[in-house]
PDB file of all heavy atoms in Angstrom:
ATOM      1  N   LYS A   1    -150.293  31.767-175.658  1.00  0.00           N
ATOM      2  CA  LYS A   1    -150.513  33.199-175.839  1.00  0.00           C
ATOM      3  C   LYS A   1    -150.822  33.882-174.512  1.00  0.00           C
ATOM      4  O   LYS A   1    -150.340  34.999-174.244  1.00  0.00           O
ATOM      5  CB  LYS A   1    -151.670  33.418-176.827  1.00  0.00           C
ATOM      6  CG  LYS A   1    -151.968  34.884-177.117  1.00  0.00           C
ATOM      7  CD  LYS A   1    -153.133  35.013-178.101  1.00  0.00           C
ATOM      8  CE  LYS A   1    -153.467  36.484-178.352  1.00  0.00           C
ATOM      9  NZ  LYS A   1    -154.612  36.614-179.292  1.00  0.00           N
ATOM     10  N   GLN A   2    -151.600  33.228-173.670  1.00  0.00           N
ATOM     11  CA  GLN A   2    -151.981  33.796-172.369  1.00  0.00           C
ATOM     12  C   GLN A   2    -150.772  33.936-171.450  1.00  0.00           C
ATOM     13  O   GLN A   2    -150.653  34.911-170.705  1.00  0.00           O
ATOM     14  CB  GLN A   2    -153.026  32.910-171.681  1.00  0.00           C
ATOM     15  CG  GLN A   2    -154.414  32.998-172.257  1.00  0.00           C
ATOM     16  CD  GLN A   2    -155.162  34.236-171.757  1.00  0.00           C
ATOM     17  OE1 GLN A   2    -154.636  35.036-171.006  1.00  0.00           O
ATOM     18  NE2 GLN A   2    -156.397  34.390-172.218  1.00  0.00           N
ATOM     19  N   ILE A   3    -149.887  32.954-171.484  1.00  0.00           N
ATOM     20  CA  ILE A   3    -148.824  32.893-170.491  1.00  0.00           C
ATOM     21  C   ILE A   3    -147.543  33.603-170.928  1.00  0.00           C
ATOM     22  O   ILE A   3    -146.690  33.931-170.092  1.00  0.00           O
ATOM     23  CB  ILE A   3    -148.520  31.410-170.142  1.00  0.00           C
ATOM     24  CG1 ILE A   3    -147.858  31.322-168.758  1.00  0.00           C
ATOM     25  CG2 ILE A   3    -147.670  30.743-171.211  1.00  0.00           C
ATOM     26  CD1 ILE A   3    -147.743  29.904-168.224  1.00  0.00           C
ATOM     27  N   LEU A   4    -147.393  33.876-172.212  1.00  0.00           N
ATOM     28  CA  LEU A   4    -146.174  34.513-172.719  1.00  0.00           C
ATOM     29  C   LEU A   4    -146.059  35.941-172.199  1.00  0.00           C
ATOM     30  O   LEU A   4    -147.007  36.713-172.273  1.00  0.00           O
ATOM     31  CB  LEU A   4    -146.188  34.503-174.250  1.00  0.00           C
ATOM     32  CG  LEU A   4    -144.840  34.611-174.964  1.00  0.00           C
ATOM     33  CD1 LEU A   4    -143.953  33.407-174.649  1.00  0.00           C
ATOM     34  CD2 LEU A   4    -145.071  34.722-176.476  1.00  0.00           C
ATOM     35  N   SER A   5    -144.894  36.287-171.678  1.00  0.00           N
ATOM     36  CA  SER A   5    -144.713  37.640-171.127  1.00  0.00           C
ATOM     37  C   SER A   5    -144.370  38.636-172.217  1.00  0.00           C
ATOM     38  O   SER A   5    -143.982  38.271-173.337  1.00  0.00           O
ATOM     39  CB  SER A   5    -143.602  37.639-170.068  1.00  0.00           C
ATOM     40  OG  SER A   5    -142.324  37.705-170.669  1.00  0.00           O
ATOM     41  N   SER A   6    -144.468  39.901-171.891  1.00  0.00           N
ATOM     42  CA  SER A   6    -144.162  40.974-172.838  1.00  0.00           C
ATOM     43  C   SER A   6    -142.669  41.087-173.113  1.00  0.00           C
ATOM     44  O   SER A   6    -142.263  41.796-174.029  1.00  0.00           O
ATOM     45  CB  SER A   6    -144.677  42.314-172.285  1.00  0.00           C
ATOM     46  OG  SER A   6    -144.092  42.594-171.018  1.00  0.00           O
ATOM     47  N   PHE A   7    -141.849  40.364-172.330  1.00  0.00           N
ATOM     48  CA  PHE A   7    -140.395  40.406-172.540  1.00  0.00           C
ATOM     49  C   PHE A   7    -139.942  39.422-173.616  1.00  0.00           C
ATOM     50  O   PHE A   7    -138.792  39.467-174.055  1.00  0.00           O
ATOM     51  CB  PHE A   7    -139.670  40.074-171.229  1.00  0.00           C
ATOM     52  CG  PHE A   7    -139.791  41.139-170.179  1.00  0.00           C
ATOM     53  CD1 PHE A   7    -140.827  41.098-169.254  1.00  0.00           C
ATOM     54  CD2 PHE A   7    -138.889  42.192-170.125  1.00  0.00           C
ATOM     55  CE1 PHE A   7    -140.947  42.082-168.284  1.00  0.00           C
ATOM     56  CE2 PHE A   7    -139.006  43.183-169.162  1.00  0.00           C
ATOM     57  CZ  PHE A   7    -140.041  43.128-168.237  1.00  0.00           C
ATOM     58  N   ALA A   8    -140.829  38.524-174.029  1.00  0.00           N
ATOM     59  CA  ALA A   8    -140.456  37.485-174.993  1.00  0.00           C
ATOM     60  C   ALA A   8    -139.987  38.093-176.309  1.00  0.00           C
ATOM     61  O   ALA A   8    -140.613  39.010-176.843  1.00  0.00           O
ATOM     62  CB  ALA A   8    -141.637  36.558-175.230  1.00  0.00           C
ATOM     63  N   LYS A   9    -138.871  37.590-176.815  1.00  0.00           N
ATOM     64  CA  LYS A   9    -138.368  38.011-178.116  1.00  0.00           C
ATOM     65  C   LYS A   9    -139.025  37.170-179.200  1.00  0.00           C
ATOM     66  O   LYS A   9    -139.715  36.186-178.913  1.00  0.00           O
ATOM     67  CB  LYS A   9    -136.848  37.841-178.144  1.00  0.00           C
ATOM     68  CG  LYS A   9    -136.118  38.665-177.078  1.00  0.00           C
ATOM     69  CD  LYS A   9    -134.628  38.378-177.069  1.00  0.00           C
ATOM     70  CE  LYS A   9    -133.935  39.167-175.962  1.00  0.00           C
ATOM     71  NZ  LYS A   9    -132.483  38.875-175.882  1.00  0.00           N
ATOM     72  N   THR A  10    -138.817  37.541-180.461  1.00  0.00           N
ATOM     73  CA  THR A  10    -139.477  36.853-181.570  1.00  0.00           C
ATOM     74  C   THR A  10    -139.231  35.356-181.532  1.00  0.00           C
ATOM     75  O   THR A  10    -140.150  34.537-181.681  1.00  0.00           O
ATOM     76  CB  THR A  10    -138.986  37.422-182.912  1.00  0.00           C
ATOM     77  OG1 THR A  10    -139.252  38.832-182.943  1.00  0.00           O
ATOM     78  CG2 THR A  10    -139.685  36.747-184.081  1.00  0.00           C
ATOM     79  N   ARG A  11    -137.980  34.958-181.292  1.00  0.00           N
ATOM     80  CA  ARG A  11    -137.664  33.532-181.283  1.00  0.00           C
ATOM     81  C   ARG A  11    -138.240  32.816-180.069  1.00  0.00           C
ATOM     82  O   ARG A  11    -138.411  31.600-180.081  1.00  0.00           O
ATOM     83  CB  ARG A  11    -136.155  33.318-181.358  1.00  0.00           C
ATOM     84  CG  ARG A  11    -135.370  34.017-180.272  1.00  0.00           C
ATOM     85  CD  ARG A  11    -133.873  33.800-180.469  1.00  0.00           C
ATOM     86  NE  ARG A  11    -133.097  34.856-179.835  1.00  0.00           N
ATOM     87  CZ  ARG A  11    -131.790  34.830-179.698  1.00  0.00           C
ATOM     88  NH1 ARG A  11    -131.117  33.799-180.167  1.00  0.00           N
ATOM     89  NH2 ARG A  11    -131.149  35.823-179.133  1.00  0.00           N
ATOM     90  N   ASP A  12    -138.541  33.587-178.996  1.00  0.00           N
ATOM     91  CA  ASP A  12    -139.135  32.981-177.799  1.00  0.00           C
ATOM     92  C   ASP A  12    -140.622  32.701-177.988  1.00  0.00           C
ATOM     93  O   ASP A  12    -141.202  31.907-177.249  1.00  0.00           O
ATOM     94  CB  ASP A  12    -138.978  33.910-176.591  1.00  0.00           C
ATOM     95  CG  ASP A  12    -137.533  34.197-176.244  1.00  0.00           C
ATOM     96  OD1 ASP A  12    -136.730  33.257-176.316  1.00  0.00           O
ATOM     97  OD2 ASP A  12    -137.215  35.353-175.903  1.00  0.00           O
ATOM     98  N   ALA A  13    -141.242  33.384-178.950  1.00  0.00           N
ATOM     99  CA  ALA A  13    -142.699  33.342-179.104  1.00  0.00           C
ATOM    100  C   ALA A  13    -143.163  32.216-180.017  1.00  0.00           C
ATOM    101  O   ALA A  13    -144.326  32.184-180.428  1.00  0.00           O
ATOM    102  CB  ALA A  13    -143.195  34.682-179.643  1.00  0.00           C
ATOM    103  N   ARG A  14    -142.259  31.294-180.354  1.00  0.00           N
ATOM    104  CA  ARG A  14    -142.632  30.155-181.185  1.00  0.00           C
ATOM    105  C   ARG A  14    -143.029  28.982-180.291  1.00  0.00           C
ATOM    106  O   ARG A  14    -142.269  28.566-179.420  1.00  0.00           O
ATOM    107  CB  ARG A  14    -141.469  29.750-182.090  1.00  0.00           C
ATOM    108  CG  ARG A  14    -141.005  30.859-183.027  1.00  0.00           C
ATOM    109  CD  ARG A  14    -140.012  30.318-184.053  1.00  0.00           C
ATOM    110  NE  ARG A  14    -139.467  31.405-184.854  1.00  0.00           N
ATOM    111  CZ  ARG A  14    -138.244  31.896-184.713  1.00  0.00           C
ATOM    112  NH1 ARG A  14    -137.429  31.375-183.810  1.00  0.00           N
ATOM    113  NH2 ARG A  14    -137.809  32.871-185.487  1.00  0.00           N
ATOM    114  N   LEU A  15    -144.206  28.448-180.524  1.00  0.00           N
ATOM    115  CA  LEU A  15    -144.721  27.320-179.737  1.00  0.00           C
ATOM    116  C   LEU A  15    -144.043  26.028-180.195  1.00  0.00           C
ATOM    117  O   LEU A  15    -144.271  25.566-181.315  1.00  0.00           O
ATOM    118  CB  LEU A  15    -146.239  27.224-179.903  1.00  0.00           C
ATOM    119  CG  LEU A  15    -146.950  26.075-179.189  1.00  0.00           C
ATOM    120  CD1 LEU A  15    -146.739  26.153-177.679  1.00  0.00           C
ATOM    121  CD2 LEU A  15    -148.455  26.108-179.509  1.00  0.00           C
ATOM    122  N   SER A  16    -143.218  25.451-179.344  1.00  0.00           N
ATOM    123  CA  SER A  16    -142.469  24.241-179.695  1.00  0.00           C
ATOM    124  C   SER A  16    -143.173  22.986-179.166  1.00  0.00           C
ATOM    125  O   SER A  16    -144.106  23.075-178.361  1.00  0.00           O
ATOM    126  CB  SER A  16    -141.060  24.313-179.112  1.00  0.00           C
ATOM    127  OG  SER A  16    -141.113  24.243-177.689  1.00  0.00           O
ATOM    128  N   GLU A  17    -142.685  21.834-179.576  1.00  0.00           N
ATOM    129  CA  GLU A  17    -143.229  20.572-179.080  1.00  0.00           C
ATOM    130  C   GLU A  17    -142.987  20.437-177.575  1.00  0.00           C
ATOM    131  O   GLU A  17    -143.819  19.895-176.847  1.00  0.00           O
ATOM    132  CB  GLU A  17    -142.615  19.396-179.839  1.00  0.00           C
ATOM    133  CG  GLU A  17    -143.189  19.186-181.229  1.00  0.00           C
ATOM    134  CD  GLU A  17    -144.701  19.021-181.196  1.00  0.00           C
ATOM    135  OE1 GLU A  17    -145.211  18.220-180.366  1.00  0.00           O
ATOM    136  OE2 GLU A  17    -145.393  19.703-181.976  1.00  0.00           O
ATOM    137  N   LYS A  18    -141.846  20.914-177.122  1.00  0.00           N
ATOM    138  CA  LYS A  18    -141.550  20.876-175.688  1.00  0.00           C
ATOM    139  C   LYS A  18    -142.568  21.701-174.916  1.00  0.00           C
ATOM    140  O   LYS A  18    -143.073  21.276-173.869  1.00  0.00           O
ATOM    141  CB  LYS A  18    -140.139  21.393-175.427  1.00  0.00           C
ATOM    142  CG  LYS A  18    -139.734  21.342-173.958  1.00  0.00           C
ATOM    143  CD  LYS A  18    -138.308  21.846-173.762  1.00  0.00           C
ATOM    144  CE  LYS A  18    -137.911  21.781-172.295  1.00  0.00           C
ATOM    145  NZ  LYS A  18    -136.526  22.281-172.070  1.00  0.00           N
ATOM    146  N   HIS A  19    -142.892  22.884-175.463  1.00  0.00           N
ATOM    147  CA  HIS A  19    -143.904  23.727-174.822  1.00  0.00           C
ATOM    148  C   HIS A  19    -145.242  22.983-174.751  1.00  0.00           C
ATOM    149  O   HIS A  19    -145.922  23.009-173.725  1.00  0.00           O
ATOM    150  CB  HIS A  19    -144.097  25.027-175.612  1.00  0.00           C
ATOM    151  CG  HIS A  19    -142.938  25.974-175.516  1.00  0.00           C
ATOM    152  ND1 HIS A  19    -142.520  26.737-176.581  1.00  0.00           N
ATOM    153  CD2 HIS A  19    -142.110  26.272-174.477  1.00  0.00           C
ATOM    154  CE1 HIS A  19    -141.485  27.474-176.200  1.00  0.00           C
ATOM    155  NE2 HIS A  19    -141.217  27.202-174.939  1.00  0.00           N
ATOM    156  N   ARG A  20    -145.610  22.322-175.853  1.00  0.00           N
ATOM    157  CA  ARG A  20    -146.898  21.606-175.897  1.00  0.00           C
ATOM    158  C   ARG A  20    -146.964  20.524-174.812  1.00  0.00           C
ATOM    159  O   ARG A  20    -147.986  20.372-174.136  1.00  0.00           O
ATOM    160  CB  ARG A  20    -147.112  20.984-177.279  1.00  0.00           C
ATOM    161  CG  ARG A  20    -147.351  21.982-178.399  1.00  0.00           C
ATOM    162  CD  ARG A  20    -147.628  21.272-179.716  1.00  0.00           C
ATOM    163  NE  ARG A  20    -147.701  22.195-180.829  1.00  0.00           N
ATOM    164  CZ  ARG A  20    -148.782  22.904-181.174  1.00  0.00           C
ATOM    165  NH1 ARG A  20    -149.889  22.765-180.449  1.00  0.00           N
ATOM    166  NH2 ARG A  20    -148.763  23.707-182.206  1.00  0.00           N
ATOM    167  N   ARG A  21    -145.883  19.780-174.652  1.00  0.00           N
ATOM    168  CA  ARG A  21    -145.868  18.718-173.647  1.00  0.00           C
ATOM    169  C   ARG A  21    -146.076  19.295-172.248  1.00  0.00           C
ATOM    170  O   ARG A  21    -146.845  18.748-171.445  1.00  0.00           O
ATOM    171  CB  ARG A  21    -144.536  17.950-173.712  1.00  0.00           C
ATOM    172  CG  ARG A  21    -144.388  17.067-174.941  1.00  0.00           C
ATOM    173  CD  ARG A  21    -143.269  16.056-174.740  1.00  0.00           C
ATOM    174  NE  ARG A  21    -141.982  16.691-174.481  1.00  0.00           N
ATOM    175  CZ  ARG A  21    -141.129  17.096-175.420  1.00  0.00           C
ATOM    176  NH1 ARG A  21    -141.433  16.929-176.708  1.00  0.00           N
ATOM    177  NH2 ARG A  21    -139.972  17.631-175.092  1.00  0.00           N
ATOM    178  N   HIS A  22    -145.400  20.394-171.965  1.00  0.00           N
ATOM    179  CA  HIS A  22    -145.532  20.997-170.641  1.00  0.00           C
ATOM    180  C   HIS A  22    -146.910  21.636-170.454  1.00  0.00           C
ATOM    181  O   HIS A  22    -147.465  21.606-169.338  1.00  0.00           O
ATOM    182  CB  HIS A  22    -144.428  22.032-170.426  1.00  0.00           C
ATOM    183  CG  HIS A  22    -143.107  21.427-170.064  1.00  0.00           C
ATOM    184  ND1 HIS A  22    -142.864  20.857-168.842  1.00  0.00           N
ATOM    185  CD2 HIS A  22    -141.963  21.291-170.793  1.00  0.00           C
ATOM    186  CE1 HIS A  22    -141.617  20.397-168.813  1.00  0.00           C
ATOM    187  NE2 HIS A  22    -141.042  20.652-169.981  1.00  0.00           N
ATOM    188  N   ILE A  23    -147.470  22.222-171.500  1.00  0.00           N
ATOM    189  CA  ILE A  23    -148.810  22.818-171.409  1.00  0.00           C
ATOM    190  C   ILE A  23    -149.843  21.741-171.095  1.00  0.00           C
ATOM    191  O   ILE A  23    -150.710  21.915-170.225  1.00  0.00           O
ATOM    192  CB  ILE A  23    -149.165  23.555-172.722  1.00  0.00           C
ATOM    193  CG1 ILE A  23    -148.320  24.835-172.851  1.00  0.00           C
ATOM    194  CG2 ILE A  23    -150.654  23.879-172.774  1.00  0.00           C
ATOM    195  CD1 ILE A  23    -148.425  25.505-174.216  1.00  0.00           C
ATOM    196  N   GLN A  24    -149.763  20.629-171.786  1.00  0.00           N
ATOM    197  CA  GLN A  24    -150.723  19.548-171.566  1.00  0.00           C
ATOM    198  C   GLN A  24    -150.548  18.924-170.180  1.00  0.00           C
ATOM    199  O   GLN A  24    -151.531  18.608-169.500  1.00  0.00           O
ATOM    200  CB  GLN A  24    -150.569  18.494-172.670  1.00  0.00           C
ATOM    201  CG  GLN A  24    -151.041  19.012-174.026  1.00  0.00           C
ATOM    202  CD  GLN A  24    -150.515  18.214-175.207  1.00  0.00           C
ATOM    203  OE1 GLN A  24    -150.062  17.075-175.049  1.00  0.00           O
ATOM    204  NE2 GLN A  24    -150.572  18.807-176.399  1.00  0.00           N
ATOM    205  N   ALA A  25    -149.304  18.772-169.746  1.00  0.00           N
ATOM    206  CA  ALA A  25    -149.053  18.214-168.412  1.00  0.00           C
ATOM    207  C   ALA A  25    -149.530  19.179-167.327  1.00  0.00           C
ATOM    208  O   ALA A  25    -150.076  18.741-166.297  1.00  0.00           O
ATOM    209  CB  ALA A  25    -147.563  17.924-168.248  1.00  0.00           C
ATOM    210  N   PHE A  26    -149.346  20.485-167.563  1.00  0.00           N
ATOM    211  CA  PHE A  26    -149.816  21.503-166.615  1.00  0.00           C
ATOM    212  C   PHE A  26    -151.329  21.417-166.467  1.00  0.00           C
ATOM    213  O   PHE A  26    -151.858  21.412-165.345  1.00  0.00           O
ATOM    214  CB  PHE A  26    -149.409  22.892-167.100  1.00  0.00           C
ATOM    215  CG  PHE A  26    -149.876  24.018-166.219  1.00  0.00           C
ATOM    216  CD1 PHE A  26    -149.024  24.597-165.291  1.00  0.00           C
ATOM    217  CD2 PHE A  26    -151.168  24.532-166.314  1.00  0.00           C
ATOM    218  CE1 PHE A  26    -149.447  25.637-164.464  1.00  0.00           C
ATOM    219  CE2 PHE A  26    -151.610  25.566-165.502  1.00  0.00           C
ATOM    220  CZ  PHE A  26    -150.732  26.122-164.582  1.00  0.00           C
ATOM    221  N   GLN A  27    -152.047  21.355-167.584  1.00  0.00           N
ATOM    222  CA  GLN A  27    -153.503  21.337-167.536  1.00  0.00           C
ATOM    223  C   GLN A  27    -154.028  20.074-166.847  1.00  0.00           C
ATOM    224  O   GLN A  27    -154.973  20.140-166.056  1.00  0.00           O
ATOM    225  CB  GLN A  27    -154.074  21.451-168.946  1.00  0.00           C
ATOM    226  CG  GLN A  27    -153.776  22.795-169.611  1.00  0.00           C
ATOM    227  CD  GLN A  27    -154.622  23.026-170.852  1.00  0.00           C
ATOM    228  OE1 GLN A  27    -155.839  23.179-170.746  1.00  0.00           O
ATOM    229  NE2 GLN A  27    -153.996  23.059-172.023  1.00  0.00           N
TER     230      GLN A  27
END
């Protein structure tokens, strides 16, 4: 939610498993 830009479309705003892996690796 913090990192998503205002340009994101509805389908872009879904948190996927790929996103989770990168979020955890980033942290």
